[in-house]
Amino acid sequence: MANILVAPSILSGDFANMEKSVKDLEKWGGDLVHCDVMDGVYVSNMTFGMPMVAAIKRITSLPLDVHLMITEPERYVEEFVVAGASYLTFHPDASRAPLEALRTIRRRGVKAGIVFNPNIPFKDYAYLVPECDMILIMSVYAGRGGQKFIEETLDKVREAKAYIDSLGLDIPIEIDGGVTEENAERIRLAGATILVAGSSVYKSPNPERTIKILKGNI
C-alpha cells in the first residue's frame, strides 16, 4: 500500500492559540497542515485568508495544504503562493478559468489540484487531471467542519483512482470530511493516500495515536 499521509485541519484547532495548534501537529506526527480558506460566498462560512497562511508558514516546517473554498479562485492564487502554500487546491466549478489557474500555480512551483464536492461528477472535470498534482475528494459538503462522512463518495475516490491509473499518472488522492479512526481503513482501500482530519485529531484523547491509526500504522 502507498505511503499514507495525514493532513490535520487547523479549522478544528484553537484559533486563540494557533501557534500551539500548529506545533502540536508536528509533535503528533501530522504530515501537512490543512488550511481551509472560505469566503462566505462559494460556501456560507468564512474563515481566514492570506495573512493567516503566511503567519502559519513562519512557525512550521510542515507543508501547507491550502484548500480554497472561494469564488473565482484564479483571482487570488498568486497571493496564496506568495503567502506560503505548498499545495493549493480549488473547486473548478467556482472558477471561470480552472485550467489557467492550475497552470499558474504549477508555474510558480506549488503543487496544484482540484476539489470535488459530493454533488460534482468526476467526469465533469476529468479533463483537468493531467494538469494536477493532487485530487481532493470532499466526503462532506465544503464549508463546515464536523459533518458526517458520506459513504458514497468512496465510489468517486475509486473512479478517480482508476482514471489516474488509466493515464499512467501518479497523482495522490486526498479525502476531506468526516474522516475517523473507524472509516480510515475503508478510505485507504478505496485509493486515498492523503487523509484530512480535523475534529478526529484535535478532539482525540490521544491525537498521536489517532494519526497512527489513520495512517494504518496501528
N, C-alpha and C. Protein backbone atom coordinates (compact mmCIF):
# COMPACT_ATOMS: atom_id res chain seq x y z
N MET A 1 0.85 -1.20 0.00
CA MET A 1 0.00 0.00 0.00
C MET A 1 0.88 1.25 0.00
N ALA A 2 0.40 2.29 -0.68
CA ALA A 2 1.16 3.54 -0.77
C ALA A 2 1.33 4.18 0.60
N ASN A 3 2.33 5.02 0.69
CA ASN A 3 2.55 5.76 1.94
C ASN A 3 1.36 6.68 2.21
N ILE A 4 0.79 6.59 3.40
CA ILE A 4 -0.38 7.37 3.76
C ILE A 4 0.05 8.60 4.56
N LEU A 5 -0.47 9.75 4.16
CA LEU A 5 -0.20 11.00 4.86
C LEU A 5 -1.47 11.49 5.54
N VAL A 6 -1.29 12.18 6.66
CA VAL A 6 -2.42 12.78 7.37
C VAL A 6 -2.21 14.28 7.42
N ALA A 7 -3.27 15.00 7.04
CA ALA A 7 -3.24 16.46 6.98
C ALA A 7 -4.30 17.03 7.92
N PRO A 8 -3.99 17.17 9.21
CA PRO A 8 -4.99 17.70 10.14
C PRO A 8 -5.40 19.13 9.77
N SER A 9 -6.69 19.38 9.86
CA SER A 9 -7.23 20.70 9.52
C SER A 9 -7.19 21.61 10.74
N ILE A 10 -6.51 22.75 10.58
CA ILE A 10 -6.42 23.68 11.70
C ILE A 10 -7.74 24.39 11.98
N LEU A 11 -8.73 24.16 11.12
CA LEU A 11 -10.06 24.70 11.39
C LEU A 11 -10.60 24.15 12.71
N SER A 12 -10.10 22.99 13.11
CA SER A 12 -10.52 22.38 14.37
C SER A 12 -9.58 22.71 15.52
N GLY A 13 -8.54 23.49 15.24
CA GLY A 13 -7.60 23.89 16.28
C GLY A 13 -8.13 25.06 17.11
N ASP A 14 -7.27 25.57 17.97
CA ASP A 14 -7.63 26.69 18.86
C ASP A 14 -7.20 27.99 18.20
N PHE A 15 -8.16 28.75 17.71
CA PHE A 15 -7.83 29.99 17.00
C PHE A 15 -7.25 31.04 17.94
N ALA A 16 -7.45 30.88 19.23
CA ALA A 16 -6.85 31.81 20.19
C ALA A 16 -5.40 31.46 20.47
N ASN A 17 -4.99 30.29 20.05
CA ASN A 17 -3.60 29.86 20.24
C ASN A 17 -3.18 29.02 19.03
N MET A 18 -3.20 29.67 17.86
CA MET A 18 -2.96 28.95 16.62
C MET A 18 -1.53 28.40 16.54
N GLU A 19 -0.58 29.11 17.11
CA GLU A 19 0.79 28.61 17.06
C GLU A 19 0.90 27.26 17.75
N LYS A 20 0.28 27.13 18.92
CA LYS A 20 0.31 25.84 19.63
C LYS A 20 -0.42 24.77 18.81
N SER A 21 -1.55 25.13 18.20
CA SER A 21 -2.32 24.17 17.41
C SER A 21 -1.49 23.62 16.27
N VAL A 22 -0.70 24.47 15.64
CA VAL A 22 0.14 24.03 14.53
C VAL A 22 1.32 23.22 15.03
N LYS A 23 1.97 23.69 16.08
CA LYS A 23 3.14 22.97 16.61
C LYS A 23 2.74 21.60 17.14
N ASP A 24 1.52 21.50 17.69
CA ASP A 24 1.04 20.20 18.15
C ASP A 24 1.01 19.18 17.02
N LEU A 25 0.65 19.64 15.82
CA LEU A 25 0.58 18.73 14.68
C LEU A 25 1.94 18.10 14.39
N GLU A 26 2.98 18.90 14.49
CA GLU A 26 4.34 18.38 14.29
C GLU A 26 4.65 17.32 15.35
N LYS A 27 4.30 17.63 16.58
CA LYS A 27 4.56 16.72 17.70
C LYS A 27 3.78 15.42 17.57
N TRP A 28 2.56 15.51 17.06
CA TRP A 28 1.70 14.33 16.95
C TRP A 28 2.01 13.46 15.74
N GLY A 29 2.79 13.97 14.78
CA GLY A 29 3.12 13.18 13.60
C GLY A 29 2.31 13.51 12.37
N GLY A 30 1.68 14.69 12.35
CA GLY A 30 0.98 15.14 11.15
C GLY A 30 1.97 15.39 10.02
N ASP A 31 1.52 15.22 8.78
CA ASP A 31 2.41 15.37 7.63
C ASP A 31 2.24 16.70 6.90
N LEU A 32 1.04 17.24 6.93
CA LEU A 32 0.75 18.52 6.30
C LEU A 32 -0.19 19.30 7.21
N VAL A 33 -0.20 20.61 7.05
CA VAL A 33 -1.15 21.46 7.76
C VAL A 33 -2.24 21.84 6.77
N HIS A 34 -3.45 21.36 7.00
CA HIS A 34 -4.55 21.64 6.07
C HIS A 34 -5.22 22.96 6.48
N CYS A 35 -5.24 23.88 5.53
CA CYS A 35 -5.78 25.23 5.79
C CYS A 35 -7.03 25.44 4.93
N ASP A 36 -8.18 25.54 5.57
CA ASP A 36 -9.45 25.72 4.88
C ASP A 36 -9.76 27.21 4.74
N VAL A 37 -9.73 27.69 3.52
CA VAL A 37 -9.99 29.11 3.24
C VAL A 37 -11.40 29.24 2.66
N MET A 38 -12.28 29.94 3.38
CA MET A 38 -13.68 30.09 2.96
C MET A 38 -14.04 31.57 2.88
N ASP A 39 -14.81 31.91 1.84
CA ASP A 39 -15.07 33.34 1.58
C ASP A 39 -16.47 33.81 1.94
N GLY A 40 -17.34 32.90 2.40
CA GLY A 40 -18.70 33.32 2.71
C GLY A 40 -19.56 33.52 1.48
N VAL A 41 -19.03 33.20 0.29
CA VAL A 41 -19.77 33.34 -0.97
C VAL A 41 -19.93 31.96 -1.60
N TYR A 42 -18.82 31.32 -1.96
CA TYR A 42 -18.90 29.97 -2.51
C TYR A 42 -19.47 29.01 -1.46
N VAL A 43 -19.06 29.20 -0.21
CA VAL A 43 -19.65 28.47 0.92
C VAL A 43 -20.18 29.50 1.91
N SER A 44 -21.06 29.06 2.79
CA SER A 44 -21.72 30.02 3.68
C SER A 44 -20.83 30.48 4.83
N ASN A 45 -19.81 29.70 5.15
CA ASN A 45 -18.95 30.03 6.27
C ASN A 45 -17.78 30.91 5.81
N MET A 46 -17.13 31.61 6.76
CA MET A 46 -15.94 32.38 6.48
C MET A 46 -14.86 31.98 7.47
N THR A 47 -13.61 31.90 7.01
CA THR A 47 -12.53 31.53 7.92
C THR A 47 -11.42 32.57 7.88
N PHE A 48 -10.40 32.34 7.07
CA PHE A 48 -9.24 33.23 7.06
C PHE A 48 -8.67 33.27 5.65
N GLY A 49 -7.68 34.15 5.46
CA GLY A 49 -7.11 34.32 4.13
C GLY A 49 -5.61 34.28 4.13
N MET A 50 -5.01 35.06 3.24
CA MET A 50 -3.56 35.03 3.04
C MET A 50 -2.75 35.36 4.29
N PRO A 51 -3.15 36.35 5.11
CA PRO A 51 -2.34 36.67 6.29
C PRO A 51 -2.18 35.50 7.25
N MET A 52 -3.25 34.72 7.44
CA MET A 52 -3.15 33.57 8.34
C MET A 52 -2.24 32.50 7.75
N VAL A 53 -2.35 32.25 6.46
CA VAL A 53 -1.48 31.28 5.81
C VAL A 53 -0.02 31.70 5.96
N ALA A 54 0.25 32.98 5.74
CA ALA A 54 1.62 33.49 5.86
C ALA A 54 2.13 33.36 7.29
N ALA A 55 1.25 33.60 8.26
CA ALA A 55 1.65 33.50 9.67
C ALA A 55 1.98 32.06 10.04
N ILE A 56 1.18 31.12 9.55
CA ILE A 56 1.43 29.70 9.83
C ILE A 56 2.73 29.26 9.18
N LYS A 57 2.98 29.75 7.97
CA LYS A 57 4.21 29.40 7.26
C LYS A 57 5.45 29.76 8.08
N ARG A 58 5.37 30.84 8.83
CA ARG A 58 6.53 31.30 9.60
C ARG A 58 6.84 30.42 10.81
N ILE A 59 5.87 29.63 11.24
CA ILE A 59 6.06 28.90 12.50
C ILE A 59 6.15 27.39 12.34
N THR A 60 6.12 26.90 11.09
CA THR A 60 6.20 25.44 10.92
C THR A 60 7.02 25.08 9.70
N SER A 61 7.62 23.91 9.76
CA SER A 61 8.35 23.38 8.60
C SER A 61 7.47 22.41 7.80
N LEU A 62 6.27 22.12 8.31
CA LEU A 62 5.37 21.23 7.59
C LEU A 62 4.82 21.92 6.34
N PRO A 63 4.57 21.17 5.27
CA PRO A 63 3.96 21.75 4.08
C PRO A 63 2.55 22.25 4.39
N LEU A 64 2.17 23.36 3.77
CA LEU A 64 0.83 23.91 3.95
C LEU A 64 -0.06 23.47 2.80
N ASP A 65 -1.12 22.77 3.16
CA ASP A 65 -2.08 22.22 2.22
C ASP A 65 -3.30 23.16 2.23
N VAL A 66 -3.32 24.10 1.29
CA VAL A 66 -4.31 25.18 1.31
C VAL A 66 -5.47 24.85 0.37
N HIS A 67 -6.66 24.75 0.94
CA HIS A 67 -7.88 24.40 0.21
C HIS A 67 -8.74 25.66 0.08
N LEU A 68 -8.86 26.15 -1.15
CA LEU A 68 -9.63 27.37 -1.41
C LEU A 68 -11.09 27.04 -1.68
N MET A 69 -11.97 27.46 -0.79
CA MET A 69 -13.41 27.36 -0.99
C MET A 69 -13.92 28.76 -1.26
N ILE A 70 -13.51 29.28 -2.42
CA ILE A 70 -13.80 30.67 -2.74
C ILE A 70 -14.24 30.80 -4.19
N THR A 71 -15.00 31.85 -4.47
CA THR A 71 -15.45 32.14 -5.83
C THR A 71 -14.31 32.76 -6.63
N GLU A 72 -14.19 32.32 -7.86
CA GLU A 72 -13.14 32.79 -8.77
C GLU A 72 -11.75 32.73 -8.12
N PRO A 73 -11.32 31.54 -7.75
CA PRO A 73 -10.03 31.40 -7.06
C PRO A 73 -8.85 31.89 -7.89
N GLU A 74 -9.00 31.91 -9.21
CA GLU A 74 -7.90 32.36 -10.07
C GLU A 74 -7.48 33.80 -9.76
N ARG A 75 -8.36 34.57 -9.14
CA ARG A 75 -8.01 35.96 -8.80
C ARG A 75 -7.02 36.04 -7.64
N TYR A 76 -6.88 34.94 -6.89
CA TYR A 76 -6.09 35.01 -5.66
C TYR A 76 -4.96 33.98 -5.57
N VAL A 77 -4.84 33.08 -6.56
CA VAL A 77 -3.85 32.02 -6.41
C VAL A 77 -2.43 32.56 -6.27
N GLU A 78 -2.10 33.62 -6.97
CA GLU A 78 -0.76 34.19 -6.85
C GLU A 78 -0.47 34.63 -5.42
N GLU A 79 -1.47 35.23 -4.78
CA GLU A 79 -1.28 35.72 -3.41
C GLU A 79 -1.11 34.58 -2.42
N PHE A 80 -1.83 33.48 -2.64
CA PHE A 80 -1.66 32.33 -1.74
C PHE A 80 -0.33 31.63 -1.97
N VAL A 81 0.16 31.66 -3.18
CA VAL A 81 1.51 31.15 -3.46
C VAL A 81 2.53 31.96 -2.67
N VAL A 82 2.42 33.26 -2.75
CA VAL A 82 3.35 34.14 -2.03
C VAL A 82 3.23 33.95 -0.52
N ALA A 83 2.01 33.69 -0.05
CA ALA A 83 1.79 33.51 1.39
C ALA A 83 2.46 32.25 1.92
N GLY A 84 2.73 31.28 1.04
CA GLY A 84 3.46 30.10 1.50
C GLY A 84 2.81 28.76 1.28
N ALA A 85 1.76 28.70 0.45
CA ALA A 85 1.12 27.41 0.18
C ALA A 85 2.10 26.45 -0.47
N SER A 86 2.10 25.21 -0.02
CA SER A 86 2.88 24.15 -0.66
C SER A 86 2.01 23.38 -1.65
N TYR A 87 0.76 23.17 -1.26
CA TYR A 87 -0.28 22.60 -2.11
C TYR A 87 -1.40 23.63 -2.16
N LEU A 88 -1.98 23.84 -3.34
CA LEU A 88 -3.06 24.81 -3.48
C LEU A 88 -4.16 24.18 -4.32
N THR A 89 -5.30 23.91 -3.68
CA THR A 89 -6.41 23.27 -4.37
C THR A 89 -7.62 24.19 -4.37
N PHE A 90 -8.45 24.04 -5.40
CA PHE A 90 -9.64 24.88 -5.52
C PHE A 90 -10.75 24.08 -6.21
N HIS A 91 -11.97 24.61 -6.12
CA HIS A 91 -13.13 23.97 -6.74
C HIS A 91 -13.29 24.49 -8.16
N PRO A 92 -13.13 23.64 -9.17
CA PRO A 92 -13.20 24.13 -10.55
C PRO A 92 -14.57 24.68 -10.92
N ASP A 93 -15.62 24.21 -10.25
CA ASP A 93 -16.95 24.74 -10.53
C ASP A 93 -17.13 26.16 -10.01
N ALA A 94 -16.18 26.64 -9.19
CA ALA A 94 -16.23 28.02 -8.70
C ALA A 94 -15.34 28.94 -9.53
N SER A 95 -14.67 28.35 -10.53
CA SER A 95 -13.68 29.10 -11.31
C SER A 95 -14.16 29.38 -12.72
N ARG A 96 -13.77 30.54 -13.24
CA ARG A 96 -14.03 30.88 -14.65
C ARG A 96 -12.92 30.35 -15.55
N ALA A 97 -11.76 30.03 -14.97
CA ALA A 97 -10.61 29.62 -15.76
C ALA A 97 -9.78 28.59 -14.99
N PRO A 98 -10.35 27.40 -14.75
CA PRO A 98 -9.64 26.42 -13.92
C PRO A 98 -8.32 25.94 -14.53
N LEU A 99 -8.28 25.75 -15.82
CA LEU A 99 -7.04 25.28 -16.45
C LEU A 99 -5.92 26.30 -16.29
N GLU A 100 -6.25 27.56 -16.51
CA GLU A 100 -5.25 28.62 -16.36
C GLU A 100 -4.80 28.74 -14.91
N ALA A 101 -5.74 28.56 -13.98
CA ALA A 101 -5.39 28.64 -12.56
C ALA A 101 -4.41 27.54 -12.18
N LEU A 102 -4.68 26.32 -12.64
CA LEU A 102 -3.77 25.20 -12.34
C LEU A 102 -2.38 25.48 -12.90
N ARG A 103 -2.33 25.97 -14.12
CA ARG A 103 -1.03 26.23 -14.75
C ARG A 103 -0.28 27.36 -14.06
N THR A 104 -1.01 28.35 -13.60
CA THR A 104 -0.37 29.46 -12.86
C THR A 104 0.25 28.95 -11.57
N ILE A 105 -0.49 28.13 -10.83
CA ILE A 105 0.01 27.60 -9.57
C ILE A 105 1.27 26.77 -9.80
N ARG A 106 1.22 25.88 -10.76
CA ARG A 106 2.36 24.99 -11.02
C ARG A 106 3.58 25.77 -11.54
N ARG A 107 3.30 26.78 -12.34
CA ARG A 107 4.40 27.59 -12.88
C ARG A 107 5.17 28.28 -11.76
N ARG A 108 4.48 28.52 -10.65
CA ARG A 108 5.12 29.17 -9.50
C ARG A 108 5.78 28.17 -8.56
N GLY A 109 5.81 26.89 -8.96
CA GLY A 109 6.50 25.88 -8.16
C GLY A 109 5.70 25.30 -7.03
N VAL A 110 4.38 25.51 -7.04
CA VAL A 110 3.49 24.99 -6.00
C VAL A 110 2.67 23.86 -6.59
N LYS A 111 2.37 22.84 -5.79
CA LYS A 111 1.56 21.72 -6.27
C LYS A 111 0.09 22.15 -6.34
N ALA A 112 -0.54 21.85 -7.46
CA ALA A 112 -1.90 22.32 -7.72
C ALA A 112 -2.89 21.16 -7.77
N GLY A 113 -4.14 21.44 -7.43
CA GLY A 113 -5.15 20.40 -7.50
C GLY A 113 -6.55 20.95 -7.57
N ILE A 114 -7.48 20.07 -7.94
CA ILE A 114 -8.89 20.44 -7.98
C ILE A 114 -9.65 19.64 -6.94
N VAL A 115 -10.80 20.21 -6.55
CA VAL A 115 -11.61 19.65 -5.46
C VAL A 115 -13.00 19.32 -5.98
N PHE A 116 -13.51 18.16 -5.60
CA PHE A 116 -14.85 17.73 -5.99
C PHE A 116 -15.76 17.66 -4.78
N ASN A 117 -16.80 18.49 -4.76
CA ASN A 117 -17.85 18.35 -3.76
C ASN A 117 -18.64 17.07 -4.07
N PRO A 118 -19.38 16.55 -3.10
CA PRO A 118 -20.12 15.30 -3.33
C PRO A 118 -21.07 15.34 -4.52
N ASN A 119 -21.61 16.52 -4.85
CA ASN A 119 -22.58 16.63 -5.94
C ASN A 119 -21.95 16.94 -7.30
N ILE A 120 -20.62 17.03 -7.36
CA ILE A 120 -19.95 17.35 -8.62
C ILE A 120 -19.41 16.06 -9.24
N PRO A 121 -19.92 15.67 -10.41
CA PRO A 121 -19.44 14.43 -11.04
C PRO A 121 -17.96 14.53 -11.41
N PHE A 122 -17.23 13.46 -11.19
CA PHE A 122 -15.81 13.45 -11.52
C PHE A 122 -15.60 13.71 -13.01
N LYS A 123 -16.46 13.13 -13.85
CA LYS A 123 -16.28 13.25 -15.30
C LYS A 123 -16.35 14.69 -15.79
N ASP A 124 -17.02 15.56 -15.05
CA ASP A 124 -17.17 16.95 -15.49
C ASP A 124 -15.82 17.66 -15.59
N TYR A 125 -14.89 17.27 -14.74
CA TYR A 125 -13.59 17.96 -14.71
C TYR A 125 -12.42 17.00 -14.86
N ALA A 126 -12.69 15.80 -15.34
CA ALA A 126 -11.62 14.82 -15.53
C ALA A 126 -10.56 15.33 -16.50
N TYR A 127 -10.96 16.20 -17.42
CA TYR A 127 -10.00 16.72 -18.41
C TYR A 127 -8.89 17.54 -17.77
N LEU A 128 -9.10 17.99 -16.53
CA LEU A 128 -8.10 18.79 -15.83
C LEU A 128 -7.07 17.94 -15.10
N VAL A 129 -7.34 16.67 -14.94
CA VAL A 129 -6.49 15.80 -14.12
C VAL A 129 -5.02 15.82 -14.54
N PRO A 130 -4.70 15.77 -15.84
CA PRO A 130 -3.28 15.78 -16.22
C PRO A 130 -2.53 17.05 -15.80
N GLU A 131 -3.25 18.09 -15.45
CA GLU A 131 -2.62 19.35 -15.02
C GLU A 131 -2.53 19.44 -13.50
N CYS A 132 -2.89 18.34 -12.81
CA CYS A 132 -2.96 18.36 -11.35
C CYS A 132 -1.82 17.58 -10.70
N ASP A 133 -1.46 18.00 -9.50
CA ASP A 133 -0.52 17.27 -8.66
C ASP A 133 -1.25 16.57 -7.52
N MET A 134 -2.54 16.86 -7.38
CA MET A 134 -3.36 16.27 -6.32
C MET A 134 -4.83 16.39 -6.74
N ILE A 135 -5.62 15.40 -6.34
CA ILE A 135 -7.08 15.46 -6.49
C ILE A 135 -7.67 15.37 -5.09
N LEU A 136 -8.54 16.31 -4.75
CA LEU A 136 -9.18 16.31 -3.44
C LEU A 136 -10.66 15.96 -3.60
N ILE A 137 -11.07 14.88 -2.96
CA ILE A 137 -12.46 14.45 -2.96
C ILE A 137 -13.08 14.82 -1.62
N MET A 138 -14.11 15.64 -1.65
CA MET A 138 -14.82 16.00 -0.42
C MET A 138 -15.78 14.87 -0.05
N SER A 139 -15.68 14.40 1.18
CA SER A 139 -16.59 13.36 1.66
C SER A 139 -17.67 13.95 2.56
N VAL A 140 -17.74 15.28 2.58
CA VAL A 140 -18.85 16.06 3.12
C VAL A 140 -18.97 17.26 2.18
N TYR A 141 -19.98 18.09 2.39
CA TYR A 141 -20.09 19.29 1.59
C TYR A 141 -19.19 20.37 2.17
N ALA A 142 -18.41 20.99 1.31
CA ALA A 142 -17.45 22.00 1.74
C ALA A 142 -18.15 23.12 2.50
N GLY A 143 -17.48 23.60 3.56
CA GLY A 143 -17.98 24.78 4.24
C GLY A 143 -18.11 24.69 5.74
N ARG A 144 -18.25 23.49 6.27
CA ARG A 144 -18.41 23.33 7.72
C ARG A 144 -17.64 22.12 8.21
N GLY A 145 -17.02 22.22 9.37
CA GLY A 145 -16.36 21.09 9.99
C GLY A 145 -17.34 20.24 10.76
N GLY A 146 -16.92 19.02 11.10
CA GLY A 146 -17.72 18.16 11.97
C GLY A 146 -18.89 17.46 11.32
N GLN A 147 -18.97 17.45 9.96
CA GLN A 147 -20.07 16.77 9.29
C GLN A 147 -19.83 15.26 9.24
N LYS A 148 -20.92 14.52 9.00
CA LYS A 148 -20.83 13.06 8.92
C LYS A 148 -20.33 12.64 7.54
N PHE A 149 -19.45 11.65 7.54
CA PHE A 149 -18.86 11.12 6.32
C PHE A 149 -19.94 10.57 5.38
N ILE A 150 -19.86 10.94 4.09
CA ILE A 150 -20.79 10.44 3.07
C ILE A 150 -20.15 9.23 2.39
N GLU A 151 -20.65 8.05 2.70
CA GLU A 151 -20.04 6.80 2.24
C GLU A 151 -19.93 6.72 0.72
N GLU A 152 -20.94 7.27 0.02
CA GLU A 152 -20.96 7.15 -1.43
C GLU A 152 -19.79 7.84 -2.11
N THR A 153 -19.14 8.76 -1.39
CA THR A 153 -18.02 9.47 -2.00
C THR A 153 -16.81 8.55 -2.22
N LEU A 154 -16.80 7.40 -1.56
CA LEU A 154 -15.72 6.44 -1.81
C LEU A 154 -15.77 5.92 -3.25
N ASP A 155 -16.96 5.89 -3.84
CA ASP A 155 -17.07 5.50 -5.25
C ASP A 155 -16.33 6.50 -6.14
N LYS A 156 -16.40 7.78 -5.76
CA LYS A 156 -15.70 8.80 -6.55
C LYS A 156 -14.19 8.67 -6.38
N VAL A 157 -13.75 8.30 -5.18
CA VAL A 157 -12.32 8.05 -4.97
C VAL A 157 -11.87 6.91 -5.88
N ARG A 158 -12.65 5.84 -5.94
CA ARG A 158 -12.30 4.70 -6.80
C ARG A 158 -12.30 5.11 -8.28
N GLU A 159 -13.28 5.91 -8.66
CA GLU A 159 -13.37 6.38 -10.05
C GLU A 159 -12.15 7.23 -10.41
N ALA A 160 -11.78 8.13 -9.50
CA ALA A 160 -10.62 8.99 -9.74
C ALA A 160 -9.35 8.16 -9.82
N LYS A 161 -9.22 7.19 -8.92
CA LYS A 161 -8.02 6.33 -8.91
C LYS A 161 -7.91 5.55 -10.21
N ALA A 162 -9.02 4.99 -10.68
CA ALA A 162 -9.00 4.22 -11.92
C ALA A 162 -8.63 5.10 -13.11
N TYR A 163 -9.16 6.32 -13.11
CA TYR A 163 -8.86 7.23 -14.22
C TYR A 163 -7.40 7.65 -14.21
N ILE A 164 -6.89 8.00 -13.04
CA ILE A 164 -5.48 8.38 -12.92
C ILE A 164 -4.58 7.23 -13.37
N ASP A 165 -4.90 6.02 -12.94
CA ASP A 165 -4.11 4.85 -13.33
C ASP A 165 -4.17 4.62 -14.84
N SER A 166 -5.36 4.86 -15.43
CA SER A 166 -5.52 4.64 -16.87
C SER A 166 -4.65 5.59 -17.69
N LEU A 167 -4.33 6.74 -17.10
CA LEU A 167 -3.46 7.72 -17.77
C LEU A 167 -1.99 7.46 -17.49
N GLY A 168 -1.72 6.50 -16.62
CA GLY A 168 -0.34 6.21 -16.26
C GLY A 168 0.29 7.28 -15.40
N LEU A 169 -0.53 7.99 -14.65
CA LEU A 169 -0.04 9.08 -13.81
C LEU A 169 0.05 8.65 -12.35
N ASP A 170 0.84 9.38 -11.60
CA ASP A 170 0.99 9.14 -10.17
C ASP A 170 0.55 10.39 -9.42
N ILE A 171 -0.75 10.52 -9.24
CA ILE A 171 -1.34 11.71 -8.61
C ILE A 171 -2.05 11.26 -7.34
N PRO A 172 -1.64 11.77 -6.18
CA PRO A 172 -2.31 11.35 -4.94
C PRO A 172 -3.74 11.86 -4.85
N ILE A 173 -4.57 11.06 -4.21
CA ILE A 173 -5.96 11.45 -3.95
C ILE A 173 -6.09 11.76 -2.46
N GLU A 174 -6.58 12.94 -2.19
CA GLU A 174 -6.81 13.38 -0.82
C GLU A 174 -8.31 13.31 -0.55
N ILE A 175 -8.68 13.00 0.68
CA ILE A 175 -10.09 12.97 1.05
C ILE A 175 -10.28 13.83 2.28
N ASP A 176 -11.41 14.55 2.32
CA ASP A 176 -11.63 15.55 3.36
C ASP A 176 -13.08 15.54 3.80
N GLY A 177 -13.28 15.30 5.11
CA GLY A 177 -14.61 15.42 5.67
C GLY A 177 -15.08 14.17 6.39
N GLY A 178 -15.23 14.25 7.69
CA GLY A 178 -15.76 13.13 8.45
C GLY A 178 -14.83 11.94 8.55
N VAL A 179 -13.53 12.17 8.36
CA VAL A 179 -12.56 11.08 8.44
C VAL A 179 -12.32 10.73 9.91
N THR A 180 -12.43 9.45 10.23
CA THR A 180 -12.31 9.00 11.62
C THR A 180 -11.45 7.74 11.70
N GLU A 181 -11.15 7.34 12.91
CA GLU A 181 -10.43 6.08 13.11
C GLU A 181 -11.23 4.91 12.56
N GLU A 182 -12.56 5.02 12.62
CA GLU A 182 -13.43 3.90 12.23
C GLU A 182 -13.50 3.72 10.71
N ASN A 183 -13.45 4.81 9.94
CA ASN A 183 -13.60 4.65 8.48
C ASN A 183 -12.29 4.78 7.72
N ALA A 184 -11.19 5.01 8.40
CA ALA A 184 -9.92 5.25 7.73
C ALA A 184 -9.48 4.08 6.86
N GLU A 185 -9.69 2.86 7.31
CA GLU A 185 -9.25 1.71 6.52
C GLU A 185 -10.02 1.63 5.21
N ARG A 186 -11.34 1.86 5.25
CA ARG A 186 -12.14 1.84 4.02
C ARG A 186 -11.67 2.92 3.06
N ILE A 187 -11.32 4.07 3.60
CA ILE A 187 -10.85 5.18 2.79
C ILE A 187 -9.53 4.83 2.10
N ARG A 188 -8.63 4.25 2.85
CA ARG A 188 -7.33 3.87 2.28
C ARG A 188 -7.50 2.81 1.20
N LEU A 189 -8.35 1.82 1.46
CA LEU A 189 -8.57 0.75 0.50
C LEU A 189 -9.21 1.26 -0.79
N ALA A 190 -9.99 2.34 -0.70
CA ALA A 190 -10.61 2.93 -1.89
C ALA A 190 -9.58 3.60 -2.79
N GLY A 191 -8.45 4.00 -2.20
CA GLY A 191 -7.40 4.61 -3.01
C GLY A 191 -6.91 5.96 -2.56
N ALA A 192 -7.47 6.50 -1.49
CA ALA A 192 -6.99 7.79 -0.99
C ALA A 192 -5.69 7.59 -0.22
N THR A 193 -4.74 8.49 -0.43
CA THR A 193 -3.46 8.37 0.27
C THR A 193 -3.14 9.59 1.14
N ILE A 194 -4.00 10.61 1.09
CA ILE A 194 -3.86 11.76 2.00
C ILE A 194 -5.19 11.96 2.69
N LEU A 195 -5.20 11.86 4.01
CA LEU A 195 -6.43 11.96 4.79
C LEU A 195 -6.44 13.26 5.57
N VAL A 196 -7.45 14.09 5.30
CA VAL A 196 -7.65 15.31 6.08
C VAL A 196 -8.52 14.95 7.27
N ALA A 197 -8.09 15.35 8.45
CA ALA A 197 -8.86 15.05 9.65
C ALA A 197 -8.77 16.24 10.59
N GLY A 198 -9.90 16.76 10.98
CA GLY A 198 -9.91 17.90 11.90
C GLY A 198 -10.33 17.50 13.29
N SER A 199 -11.63 17.33 13.45
CA SER A 199 -12.19 17.00 14.76
C SER A 199 -11.62 15.71 15.32
N SER A 200 -11.44 14.70 14.46
CA SER A 200 -11.00 13.40 14.97
C SER A 200 -9.58 13.45 15.52
N VAL A 201 -8.78 14.41 15.07
CA VAL A 201 -7.43 14.58 15.62
C VAL A 201 -7.45 15.51 16.82
N TYR A 202 -7.97 16.71 16.63
CA TYR A 202 -7.90 17.72 17.69
C TYR A 202 -8.74 17.38 18.91
N LYS A 203 -9.80 16.60 18.72
CA LYS A 203 -10.66 16.24 19.85
C LYS A 203 -10.34 14.85 20.40
N SER A 204 -9.33 14.23 19.85
CA SER A 204 -8.94 12.90 20.32
C SER A 204 -8.27 12.98 21.69
N PRO A 205 -8.52 12.01 22.57
CA PRO A 205 -7.80 11.97 23.85
C PRO A 205 -6.31 11.65 23.66
N ASN A 206 -5.98 11.10 22.49
CA ASN A 206 -4.59 10.75 22.17
C ASN A 206 -4.36 11.02 20.68
N PRO A 207 -4.14 12.29 20.30
CA PRO A 207 -4.01 12.65 18.89
C PRO A 207 -2.89 11.90 18.16
N GLU A 208 -1.78 11.66 18.85
CA GLU A 208 -0.68 10.95 18.21
C GLU A 208 -1.10 9.54 17.80
N ARG A 209 -1.81 8.87 18.68
CA ARG A 209 -2.30 7.52 18.37
C ARG A 209 -3.34 7.57 17.24
N THR A 210 -4.21 8.58 17.28
CA THR A 210 -5.23 8.72 16.23
C THR A 210 -4.58 8.86 14.86
N ILE A 211 -3.55 9.68 14.77
CA ILE A 211 -2.86 9.86 13.48
C ILE A 211 -2.24 8.55 13.01
N LYS A 212 -1.68 7.79 13.92
CA LYS A 212 -1.10 6.49 13.55
C LYS A 212 -2.19 5.54 13.04
N ILE A 213 -3.36 5.57 13.66
CA ILE A 213 -4.47 4.73 13.23
C ILE A 213 -4.95 5.15 11.83
N LEU A 214 -5.04 6.46 11.61
CA LEU A 214 -5.47 6.96 10.30
C LEU A 214 -4.50 6.52 9.21
N LYS A 215 -3.23 6.46 9.54
CA LYS A 215 -2.21 6.03 8.56
C LYS A 215 -2.17 4.51 8.39
N GLY A 216 -2.84 3.80 9.28
CA GLY A 216 -2.82 2.34 9.21
C GLY A 216 -1.61 1.74 9.87
N ASN A 217 -0.98 2.52 10.75
CA ASN A 217 0.23 2.04 11.44
C ASN A 217 -0.08 1.35 12.77
N ILE A 218 -1.35 1.32 13.15
CA ILE A 218 -1.77 0.59 14.35
C ILE A 218 -2.93 -0.31 13.97
